[in-house]
Amino acid sequence: PVWKESFGQVSSFAMSMGIPVVGYKVGGLEEIVDDDELLAAAGDIDRLANIIIKLLDDREMRHRIGEKNRLRAESLFPVEQMIKKYDLLYRSIIDERK
């Protein structure tokens, strides 16, 4: 479970592997996961535990969420797009220093 994260790079990597991601509604996680059923209010450990237990008890649900996550990550957070944006960022920094 994610408890503190800004963008959620680890979350998007897990999603791209078809892994269900749960956590607290912190940082960018709510936007990344886009499923209130998988998120608990910050500090609500009981809700978070219940979400995790429900997933552990339901293999079909895990696979369904995992596949949804994989498709979401592929469409919104592809590695190629990340590389292109890092390249643009680094080039702009280098150009500013010239």
PDB file of N, CA and C in Angstrom:
ATOM      1  N   PRO A   1       0.823  -1.217   0.000  1.00  0.00           N
ATOM      2  CA  PRO A   1       0.000   0.000   0.000  1.00  0.00           C
ATOM      3  C   PRO A   1       0.852   1.260   0.000  1.00  0.00           C
ATOM      4  N   VAL A   2       0.386   2.237  -0.726  1.00  0.00           N
ATOM      5  CA  VAL A   2       1.101   3.507  -0.803  1.00  0.00           C
ATOM      6  C   VAL A   2       0.606   4.416   0.310  1.00  0.00           C
ATOM      7  N   TRP A   3       1.528   5.004   1.054  1.00  0.00           N
ATOM      8  CA  TRP A   3       1.132   5.895   2.158  1.00  0.00           C
ATOM      9  C   TRP A   3       1.631   7.308   1.962  1.00  0.00           C
ATOM     10  N   LYS A   4       2.668   7.473   1.125  1.00  0.00           N
ATOM     11  CA  LYS A   4       3.196   8.816   0.870  1.00  0.00           C
ATOM     12  C   LYS A   4       3.918   8.800  -0.466  1.00  0.00           C
ATOM     13  N   GLU A   5       3.442   9.610  -1.392  1.00  0.00           N
ATOM     14  CA  GLU A   5       4.070   9.636  -2.695  1.00  0.00           C
ATOM     15  C   GLU A   5       3.575  10.868  -3.430  1.00  0.00           C
ATOM     16  N   SER A   6       4.440  11.463  -4.235  1.00  0.00           N
ATOM     17  CA  SER A   6       4.020  12.661  -4.976  1.00  0.00           C
ATOM     18  C   SER A   6       3.331  12.242  -6.264  1.00  0.00           C
ATOM     19  N   PHE A   7       4.076  11.919  -7.305  1.00  0.00           N
ATOM     20  CA  PHE A   7       3.448  11.499  -8.560  1.00  0.00           C
ATOM     21  C   PHE A   7       2.948  10.073  -8.470  1.00  0.00           C
ATOM     22  N   GLY A   8       3.716   9.192  -7.904  1.00  0.00           N
ATOM     23  CA  GLY A   8       3.307   7.795  -7.823  1.00  0.00           C
ATOM     24  C   GLY A   8       3.981   6.922  -8.850  1.00  0.00           C
ATOM     25  N   GLN A   9       5.256   7.155  -9.081  1.00  0.00           N
ATOM     26  CA  GLN A   9       5.991   6.388 -10.083  1.00  0.00           C
ATOM     27  C   GLN A   9       5.936   4.889  -9.785  1.00  0.00           C
ATOM     28  N   VAL A  10       6.111   4.511  -8.542  1.00  0.00           N
ATOM     29  CA  VAL A  10       6.068   3.100  -8.174  1.00  0.00           C
ATOM     30  C   VAL A  10       4.679   2.534  -8.461  1.00  0.00           C
ATOM     31  N   SER A  11       3.659   3.338  -8.199  1.00  0.00           N
ATOM     32  CA  SER A  11       2.286   2.898  -8.448  1.00  0.00           C
ATOM     33  C   SER A  11       2.050   2.646  -9.928  1.00  0.00           C
ATOM     34  N   SER A  12       2.486   3.556 -10.773  1.00  0.00           N
ATOM     35  CA  SER A  12       2.281   3.367 -12.216  1.00  0.00           C
ATOM     36  C   SER A  12       3.090   2.186 -12.739  1.00  0.00           C
ATOM     37  N   PHE A  13       4.275   1.945 -12.179  1.00  0.00           N
ATOM     38  CA  PHE A  13       5.059   0.769 -12.574  1.00  0.00           C
ATOM     39  C   PHE A  13       4.310  -0.511 -12.190  1.00  0.00           C
ATOM     40  N   ALA A  14       3.776  -0.558 -10.979  1.00  0.00           N
ATOM     41  CA  ALA A  14       3.015  -1.737 -10.534  1.00  0.00           C
ATOM     42  C   ALA A  14       1.790  -1.930 -11.420  1.00  0.00           C
ATOM     43  N   MET A  15       1.105  -0.843 -11.719  1.00  0.00           N
ATOM     44  CA  MET A  15      -0.081  -0.935 -12.564  1.00  0.00           C
ATOM     45  C   MET A  15       0.275  -1.497 -13.936  1.00  0.00           C
ATOM     46  N   SER A  16       1.408  -1.073 -14.492  1.00  0.00           N
ATOM     47  CA  SER A  16       1.805  -1.566 -15.813  1.00  0.00           C
ATOM     48  C   SER A  16       2.107  -3.058 -15.790  1.00  0.00           C
ATOM     49  N   MET A  17       2.368  -3.606 -14.605  1.00  0.00           N
ATOM     50  CA  MET A  17       2.602  -5.034 -14.451  1.00  0.00           C
ATOM     51  C   MET A  17       1.315  -5.791 -14.122  1.00  0.00           C
ATOM     52  N   GLY A  18       0.178  -5.076 -14.094  1.00  0.00           N
ATOM     53  CA  GLY A  18      -1.103  -5.717 -13.814  1.00  0.00           C
ATOM     54  C   GLY A  18      -1.327  -5.996 -12.347  1.00  0.00           C
ATOM     55  N   ILE A  19      -0.694  -5.223 -11.497  1.00  0.00           N
ATOM     56  CA  ILE A  19      -0.822  -5.420 -10.052  1.00  0.00           C
ATOM     57  C   ILE A  19      -1.823  -4.414  -9.493  1.00  0.00           C
ATOM     58  N   PRO A  20      -2.779  -4.865  -8.687  1.00  0.00           N
ATOM     59  CA  PRO A  20      -3.681  -3.912  -8.038  1.00  0.00           C
ATOM     60  C   PRO A  20      -2.899  -2.997  -7.102  1.00  0.00           C
ATOM     61  N   VAL A  21      -3.233  -1.725  -7.112  1.00  0.00           N
ATOM     62  CA  VAL A  21      -2.573  -0.743  -6.260  1.00  0.00           C
ATOM     63  C   VAL A  21      -3.611  -0.178  -5.302  1.00  0.00           C
ATOM     64  N   VAL A  22      -3.299  -0.222  -4.023  1.00  0.00           N
ATOM     65  CA  VAL A  22      -4.165   0.367  -3.002  1.00  0.00           C
ATOM     66  C   VAL A  22      -3.326   1.325  -2.170  1.00  0.00           C
ATOM     67  N   GLY A  23      -3.984   2.227  -1.481  1.00  0.00           N
ATOM     68  CA  GLY A  23      -3.240   3.146  -0.635  1.00  0.00           C
ATOM     69  C   GLY A  23      -4.131   4.221  -0.088  1.00  0.00           C
ATOM     70  N   TYR A  24      -3.498   5.226   0.440  1.00  0.00           N
ATOM     71  CA  TYR A  24      -4.222   6.376   0.968  1.00  0.00           C
ATOM     72  C   TYR A  24      -4.407   7.419  -0.132  1.00  0.00           C
ATOM     73  N   LYS A  25      -5.416   8.227   0.011  1.00  0.00           N
ATOM     74  CA  LYS A  25      -5.659   9.330  -0.932  1.00  0.00           C
ATOM     75  C   LYS A  25      -4.670  10.449  -0.626  1.00  0.00           C
ATOM     76  N   VAL A  26      -3.439  10.263  -1.076  1.00  0.00           N
ATOM     77  CA  VAL A  26      -2.374  11.243  -0.862  1.00  0.00           C
ATOM     78  C   VAL A  26      -1.659  11.499  -2.180  1.00  0.00           C
ATOM     79  N   GLY A  27      -1.036  12.660  -2.284  1.00  0.00           N
ATOM     80  CA  GLY A  27      -0.273  12.985  -3.482  1.00  0.00           C
ATOM     81  C   GLY A  27      -1.100  12.807  -4.731  1.00  0.00           C
ATOM     82  N   GLY A  28      -0.491  12.257  -5.757  1.00  0.00           N
ATOM     83  CA  GLY A  28      -1.174  12.049  -7.023  1.00  0.00           C
ATOM     84  C   GLY A  28      -1.838  10.699  -7.146  1.00  0.00           C
ATOM     85  N   LEU A  29      -1.831   9.901  -6.076  1.00  0.00           N
ATOM     86  CA  LEU A  29      -2.331   8.534  -6.164  1.00  0.00           C
ATOM     87  C   LEU A  29      -3.798   8.452  -6.569  1.00  0.00           C
ATOM     88  N   GLU A  30      -4.596   9.359  -6.073  1.00  0.00           N
ATOM     89  CA  GLU A  30      -6.024   9.321  -6.410  1.00  0.00           C
ATOM     90  C   GLU A  30      -6.228   9.467  -7.927  1.00  0.00           C
ATOM     91  N   GLU A  31      -5.471  10.350  -8.537  1.00  0.00           N
ATOM     92  CA  GLU A  31      -5.579  10.553  -9.982  1.00  0.00           C
ATOM     93  C   GLU A  31      -5.006   9.360 -10.753  1.00  0.00           C
ATOM     94  N   ILE A  32      -3.943   8.778 -10.249  1.00  0.00           N
ATOM     95  CA  ILE A  32      -3.300   7.658 -10.933  1.00  0.00           C
ATOM     96  C   ILE A  32      -4.182   6.419 -10.894  1.00  0.00           C
ATOM     97  N   VAL A  33      -4.669   6.076  -9.712  1.00  0.00           N
ATOM     98  CA  VAL A  33      -5.468   4.858  -9.538  1.00  0.00           C
ATOM     99  C   VAL A  33      -6.880   5.035 -10.091  1.00  0.00           C
ATOM    100  N   ASP A  34      -7.471   6.201  -9.856  1.00  0.00           N
ATOM    101  CA  ASP A  34      -8.803   6.529 -10.376  1.00  0.00           C
ATOM    102  C   ASP A  34      -9.866   5.504  -9.977  1.00  0.00           C
ATOM    103  N   ASP A  35      -9.826   5.061  -8.711  1.00  0.00           N
ATOM    104  CA  ASP A  35     -10.818   4.114  -8.211  1.00  0.00           C
ATOM    105  C   ASP A  35     -10.927   4.274  -6.694  1.00  0.00           C
ATOM    106  N   ASP A  36     -11.981   4.945  -6.252  1.00  0.00           N
ATOM    107  CA  ASP A  36     -12.167   5.202  -4.818  1.00  0.00           C
ATOM    108  C   ASP A  36     -12.279   3.927  -3.985  1.00  0.00           C
ATOM    109  N   GLU A  37     -12.657   2.822  -4.614  1.00  0.00           N
ATOM    110  CA  GLU A  37     -12.773   1.558  -3.879  1.00  0.00           C
ATOM    111  C   GLU A  37     -11.413   1.015  -3.450  1.00  0.00           C
ATOM    112  N   LEU A  38     -10.342   1.544  -4.037  1.00  0.00           N
ATOM    113  CA  LEU A  38      -8.996   1.072  -3.725  1.00  0.00           C
ATOM    114  C   LEU A  38      -8.210   2.043  -2.860  1.00  0.00           C
ATOM    115  N   LEU A  39      -8.860   3.124  -2.448  1.00  0.00           N
ATOM    116  CA  LEU A  39      -8.169   4.164  -1.687  1.00  0.00           C
ATOM    117  C   LEU A  39      -8.902   4.454  -0.385  1.00  0.00           C
ATOM    118  N   ALA A  40      -8.122   4.719   0.640  1.00  0.00           N
ATOM    119  CA  ALA A  40      -8.669   5.092   1.954  1.00  0.00           C
ATOM    120  C   ALA A  40      -8.222   6.513   2.275  1.00  0.00           C
ATOM    121  N   ALA A  41      -9.001   7.171   3.101  1.00  0.00           N
ATOM    122  CA  ALA A  41      -8.608   8.498   3.565  1.00  0.00           C
ATOM    123  C   ALA A  41      -7.272   8.384   4.293  1.00  0.00           C
ATOM    124  N   ALA A  42      -6.455   9.407   4.162  1.00  0.00           N
ATOM    125  CA  ALA A  42      -5.136   9.400   4.800  1.00  0.00           C
ATOM    126  C   ALA A  42      -5.272   9.062   6.282  1.00  0.00           C
ATOM    127  N   GLY A  43      -4.549   8.040   6.721  1.00  0.00           N
ATOM    128  CA  GLY A  43      -4.543   7.637   8.118  1.00  0.00           C
ATOM    129  C   GLY A  43      -5.626   6.648   8.514  1.00  0.00           C
ATOM    130  N   ASP A  44      -6.569   6.348   7.624  1.00  0.00           N
ATOM    131  CA  ASP A  44      -7.655   5.406   7.945  1.00  0.00           C
ATOM    132  C   ASP A  44      -7.162   3.979   7.737  1.00  0.00           C
ATOM    133  N   ILE A  45      -6.406   3.498   8.707  1.00  0.00           N
ATOM    134  CA  ILE A  45      -5.767   2.184   8.595  1.00  0.00           C
ATOM    135  C   ILE A  45      -6.786   1.051   8.531  1.00  0.00           C
ATOM    136  N   ASP A  46      -7.921   1.208   9.206  1.00  0.00           N
ATOM    137  CA  ASP A  46      -8.940   0.159   9.164  1.00  0.00           C
ATOM    138  C   ASP A  46      -9.515   0.005   7.763  1.00  0.00           C
ATOM    139  N   ARG A  47      -9.820   1.120   7.120  1.00  0.00           N
ATOM    140  CA  ARG A  47     -10.351   1.081   5.745  1.00  0.00           C
ATOM    141  C   ARG A  47      -9.317   0.483   4.803  1.00  0.00           C
ATOM    142  N   LEU A  48      -8.069   0.912   4.931  1.00  0.00           N
ATOM    143  CA  LEU A  48      -7.013   0.391   4.071  1.00  0.00           C
ATOM    144  C   LEU A  48      -6.857  -1.122   4.269  1.00  0.00           C
ATOM    145  N   ALA A  49      -6.859  -1.561   5.508  1.00  0.00           N
ATOM    146  CA  ALA A  49      -6.741  -2.995   5.801  1.00  0.00           C
ATOM    147  C   ALA A  49      -7.905  -3.773   5.186  1.00  0.00           C
ATOM    148  N   ASN A  50      -9.106  -3.230   5.279  1.00  0.00           N
ATOM    149  CA  ASN A  50     -10.273  -3.902   4.703  1.00  0.00           C
ATOM    150  C   ASN A  50     -10.183  -4.010   3.189  1.00  0.00           C
ATOM    151  N   ILE A  51      -9.663  -2.983   2.540  1.00  0.00           N
ATOM    152  CA  ILE A  51      -9.478  -3.019   1.090  1.00  0.00           C
ATOM    153  C   ILE A  51      -8.500  -4.139   0.728  1.00  0.00           C
ATOM    154  N   ILE A  52      -7.402  -4.205   1.449  1.00  0.00           N
ATOM    155  CA  ILE A  52      -6.367  -5.217   1.179  1.00  0.00           C
ATOM    156  C   ILE A  52      -6.913  -6.621   1.421  1.00  0.00           C
ATOM    157  N   ILE A  53      -7.609  -6.821   2.523  1.00  0.00           N
ATOM    158  CA  ILE A  53      -8.170  -8.140   2.846  1.00  0.00           C
ATOM    159  C   ILE A  53      -9.167  -8.577   1.777  1.00  0.00           C
ATOM    160  N   LYS A  54     -10.006  -7.650   1.341  1.00  0.00           N
ATOM    161  CA  LYS A  54     -10.983  -7.954   0.289  1.00  0.00           C
ATOM    162  C   LYS A  54     -10.268  -8.427  -0.979  1.00  0.00           C
ATOM    163  N   LEU A  55      -9.194  -7.750  -1.351  1.00  0.00           N
ATOM    164  CA  LEU A  55      -8.435  -8.157  -2.537  1.00  0.00           C
ATOM    165  C   LEU A  55      -7.758  -9.515  -2.346  1.00  0.00           C
ATOM    166  N   LEU A  56      -7.216  -9.741  -1.170  1.00  0.00           N
ATOM    167  CA  LEU A  56      -6.559 -11.026  -0.904  1.00  0.00           C
ATOM    168  C   LEU A  56      -7.553 -12.185  -0.949  1.00  0.00           C
ATOM    169  N   ASP A  57      -8.791 -11.903  -0.586  1.00  0.00           N
ATOM    170  CA  ASP A  57      -9.823 -12.940  -0.561  1.00  0.00           C
ATOM    171  C   ASP A  57     -10.491 -13.170  -1.915  1.00  0.00           C
ATOM    172  N   ASP A  58     -10.254 -12.322  -2.882  1.00  0.00           N
ATOM    173  CA  ASP A  58     -10.974 -12.394  -4.156  1.00  0.00           C
ATOM    174  C   ASP A  58     -10.009 -12.355  -5.334  1.00  0.00           C
ATOM    175  N   ARG A  59      -9.572 -13.533  -5.757  1.00  0.00           N
ATOM    176  CA  ARG A  59      -8.593 -13.652  -6.844  1.00  0.00           C
ATOM    177  C   ARG A  59      -9.124 -13.036  -8.136  1.00  0.00           C
ATOM    178  N   GLU A  60     -10.380 -13.297  -8.454  1.00  0.00           N
ATOM    179  CA  GLU A  60     -10.968 -12.759  -9.681  1.00  0.00           C
ATOM    180  C   GLU A  60     -10.948 -11.228  -9.679  1.00  0.00           C
ATOM    181  N   MET A  61     -11.251 -10.629  -8.538  1.00  0.00           N
ATOM    182  CA  MET A  61     -11.229  -9.171  -8.424  1.00  0.00           C
ATOM    183  C   MET A  61      -9.816  -8.649  -8.635  1.00  0.00           C
ATOM    184  N   ARG A  62      -8.823  -9.322  -8.037  1.00  0.00           N
ATOM    185  CA  ARG A  62      -7.426  -8.906  -8.215  1.00  0.00           C
ATOM    186  C   ARG A  62      -7.044  -8.903  -9.687  1.00  0.00           C
ATOM    187  N   HIS A  63      -7.421  -9.959 -10.387  1.00  0.00           N
ATOM    188  CA  HIS A  63      -7.077 -10.046 -11.805  1.00  0.00           C
ATOM    189  C   HIS A  63      -7.820  -8.993 -12.632  1.00  0.00           C
ATOM    190  N   ARG A  64      -9.074  -8.759 -12.323  1.00  0.00           N
ATOM    191  CA  ARG A  64      -9.863  -7.756 -13.050  1.00  0.00           C
ATOM    192  C   ARG A  64      -9.261  -6.357 -12.846  1.00  0.00           C
ATOM    193  N   ILE A  65      -8.948  -6.029 -11.594  1.00  0.00           N
ATOM    194  CA  ILE A  65      -8.342  -4.728 -11.291  1.00  0.00           C
ATOM    195  C   ILE A  65      -6.948  -4.635 -11.898  1.00  0.00           C
ATOM    196  N   GLY A  66      -6.195  -5.721 -11.828  1.00  0.00           N
ATOM    197  CA  GLY A  66      -4.857  -5.741 -12.409  1.00  0.00           C
ATOM    198  C   GLY A  66      -4.874  -5.459 -13.898  1.00  0.00           C
ATOM    199  N   GLU A  67      -5.818  -6.060 -14.610  1.00  0.00           N
ATOM    200  CA  GLU A  67      -5.915  -5.835 -16.051  1.00  0.00           C
ATOM    201  C   GLU A  67      -6.349  -4.403 -16.341  1.00  0.00           C
ATOM    202  N   LYS A  68      -7.297  -3.894 -15.574  1.00  0.00           N
ATOM    203  CA  LYS A  68      -7.730  -2.498 -15.736  1.00  0.00           C
ATOM    204  C   LYS A  68      -6.547  -1.557 -15.492  1.00  0.00           C
ATOM    205  N   ASN A  69      -5.763  -1.842 -14.455  1.00  0.00           N
ATOM    206  CA  ASN A  69      -4.585  -1.035 -14.143  1.00  0.00           C
ATOM    207  C   ASN A  69      -3.570  -1.065 -15.276  1.00  0.00           C
ATOM    208  N   ARG A  70      -3.346  -2.258 -15.815  1.00  0.00           N
ATOM    209  CA  ARG A  70      -2.355  -2.402 -16.889  1.00  0.00           C
ATOM    210  C   ARG A  70      -2.750  -1.545 -18.089  1.00  0.00           C
ATOM    211  N   LEU A  71      -4.004  -1.620 -18.477  1.00  0.00           N
ATOM    212  CA  LEU A  71      -4.479  -0.841 -19.619  1.00  0.00           C
ATOM    213  C   LEU A  71      -4.397   0.661 -19.336  1.00  0.00           C
ATOM    214  N   ARG A  72      -4.741   1.053 -18.105  1.00  0.00           N
ATOM    215  CA  ARG A  72      -4.680   2.478 -17.734  1.00  0.00           C
ATOM    216  C   ARG A  72      -3.232   2.974 -17.777  1.00  0.00           C
ATOM    217  N   ALA A  73      -2.330   2.198 -17.212  1.00  0.00           N
ATOM    218  CA  ALA A  73      -0.916   2.598 -17.188  1.00  0.00           C
ATOM    219  C   ALA A  73      -0.348   2.683 -18.601  1.00  0.00           C
ATOM    220  N   GLU A  74      -0.690   1.717 -19.446  1.00  0.00           N
ATOM    221  CA  GLU A  74      -0.184   1.735 -20.821  1.00  0.00           C
ATOM    222  C   GLU A  74      -0.682   2.956 -21.587  1.00  0.00           C
ATOM    223  N   SER A  75      -1.924   3.364 -21.326  1.00  0.00           N
ATOM    224  CA  SER A  75      -2.471   4.490 -22.079  1.00  0.00           C
ATOM    225  C   SER A  75      -2.031   5.845 -21.521  1.00  0.00           C
ATOM    226  N   LEU A  76      -1.819   5.938 -20.207  1.00  0.00           N
ATOM    227  CA  LEU A  76      -1.500   7.224 -19.591  1.00  0.00           C
ATOM    228  C   LEU A  76      -0.029   7.425 -19.241  1.00  0.00           C
ATOM    229  N   PHE A  77       0.677   6.344 -18.963  1.00  0.00           N
ATOM    230  CA  PHE A  77       2.051   6.461 -18.461  1.00  0.00           C
ATOM    231  C   PHE A  77       3.037   5.566 -19.226  1.00  0.00           C
ATOM    232  N   PRO A  78       3.024   5.596 -20.556  1.00  0.00           N
ATOM    233  CA  PRO A  78       3.948   4.721 -21.280  1.00  0.00           C
ATOM    234  C   PRO A  78       5.403   5.163 -21.073  1.00  0.00           C
ATOM    235  N   VAL A  79       6.289   4.203 -21.026  1.00  0.00           N
ATOM    236  CA  VAL A  79       7.713   4.474 -20.805  1.00  0.00           C
ATOM    237  C   VAL A  79       8.263   5.367 -21.910  1.00  0.00           C
ATOM    238  N   GLU A  80       7.823   5.145 -23.135  1.00  0.00           N
ATOM    239  CA  GLU A  80       8.315   5.946 -24.258  1.00  0.00           C
ATOM    240  C   GLU A  80       7.989   7.432 -24.061  1.00  0.00           C
ATOM    241  N   GLN A  81       6.795   7.699 -23.563  1.00  0.00           N
ATOM    242  CA  GLN A  81       6.394   9.085 -23.308  1.00  0.00           C
ATOM    243  C   GLN A  81       7.254   9.687 -22.195  1.00  0.00           C
ATOM    244  N   MET A  82       7.517   8.898 -21.156  1.00  0.00           N
ATOM    245  CA  MET A  82       8.347   9.371 -20.063  1.00  0.00           C
ATOM    246  C   MET A  82       9.751   9.716 -20.567  1.00  0.00           C
ATOM    247  N   ILE A  83      10.321   8.852 -21.395  1.00  0.00           N
ATOM    248  CA  ILE A  83      11.664   9.082 -21.938  1.00  0.00           C
ATOM    249  C   ILE A  83      11.683  10.360 -22.774  1.00  0.00           C
ATOM    250  N   LYS A  84      10.671  10.525 -23.620  1.00  0.00           N
ATOM    251  CA  LYS A  84      10.592  11.714 -24.461  1.00  0.00           C
ATOM    252  C   LYS A  84      10.506  12.988 -23.620  1.00  0.00           C
ATOM    253  N   LYS A  85       9.705  12.947 -22.562  1.00  0.00           N
ATOM    254  CA  LYS A  85       9.550  14.140 -21.727  1.00  0.00           C
ATOM    255  C   LYS A  85      10.814  14.439 -20.925  1.00  0.00           C
ATOM    256  N   TYR A  86      11.487  13.398 -20.429  1.00  0.00           N
ATOM    257  CA  TYR A  86      12.767  13.625 -19.755  1.00  0.00           C
ATOM    258  C   TYR A  86      13.778  14.222 -20.730  1.00  0.00           C
ATOM    259  N   ASP A  87      13.807  13.727 -21.958  1.00  0.00           N
ATOM    260  CA  ASP A  87      14.720  14.252 -22.963  1.00  0.00           C
ATOM    261  C   ASP A  87      14.459  15.735 -23.208  1.00  0.00           C
ATOM    262  N   LEU A  88      13.189  16.095 -23.358  1.00  0.00           N
ATOM    263  CA  LEU A  88      12.837  17.511 -23.564  1.00  0.00           C
ATOM    264  C   LEU A  88      13.235  18.368 -22.366  1.00  0.00           C
ATOM    265  N   LEU A  89      12.999  17.855 -21.175  1.00  0.00           N
ATOM    266  CA  LEU A  89      13.359  18.585 -19.961  1.00  0.00           C
ATOM    267  C   LEU A  89      14.861  18.810 -19.887  1.00  0.00           C
ATOM    268  N   TYR A  90      15.635  17.747 -20.076  1.00  0.00           N
ATOM    269  CA  TYR A  90      17.090  17.866 -19.988  1.00  0.00           C
ATOM    270  C   TYR A  90      17.641  18.795 -21.071  1.00  0.00           C
ATOM    271  N   ARG A  91      17.097  18.707 -22.283  1.00  0.00           N
ATOM    272  CA  ARG A  91      17.545  19.583 -23.356  1.00  0.00           C
ATOM    273  C   ARG A  91      17.251  21.048 -23.024  1.00  0.00           C
ATOM    274  N   SER A  92      16.092  21.313 -22.424  1.00  0.00           N
ATOM    275  CA  SER A  92      15.760  22.704 -22.076  1.00  0.00           C
ATOM    276  C   SER A  92      16.702  23.221 -20.992  1.00  0.00           C
ATOM    277  N   ILE A  93      17.073  22.379 -20.053  1.00  0.00           N
ATOM    278  CA  ILE A  93      18.002  22.786 -18.994  1.00  0.00           C
ATOM    279  C   ILE A  93      19.383  23.058 -19.584  1.00  0.00           C
ATOM    280  N   ILE A  94      19.825  22.180 -20.472  1.00  0.00           N
ATOM    281  CA  ILE A  94      21.132  22.351 -21.114  1.00  0.00           C
ATOM    282  C   ILE A  94      21.138  23.614 -21.952  1.00  0.00           C
ATOM    283  N   ASP A  95      20.063  23.854 -22.716  1.00  0.00           N
ATOM    284  CA  ASP A  95      19.974  25.044 -23.557  1.00  0.00           C
ATOM    285  C   ASP A  95      20.003  26.335 -22.720  1.00  0.00           C
ATOM    286  N   GLU A  96      19.378  26.301 -21.540  1.00  0.00           N
ATOM    287  CA  GLU A  96      19.373  27.485 -20.667  1.00  0.00           C
ATOM    288  C   GLU A  96      20.764  27.795 -20.141  1.00  0.00           C
ATOM    289  N   ARG A  97      21.601  26.795 -20.000  1.00  0.00           N
ATOM    290  CA  ARG A  97      22.940  26.982 -19.436  1.00  0.00           C
ATOM    291  C   ARG A  97      23.973  27.368 -20.477  1.00  0.00           C
ATOM    292  N   LYS A  98      23.600  27.317 -21.739  1.00  0.00           N
ATOM    293  CA  LYS A  98      24.556  27.655 -22.817  1.00  0.00           C
ATOM    294  C   LYS A  98      24.764  29.143 -22.898  1.00  0.00           C
TER     295      LYS A  98
END
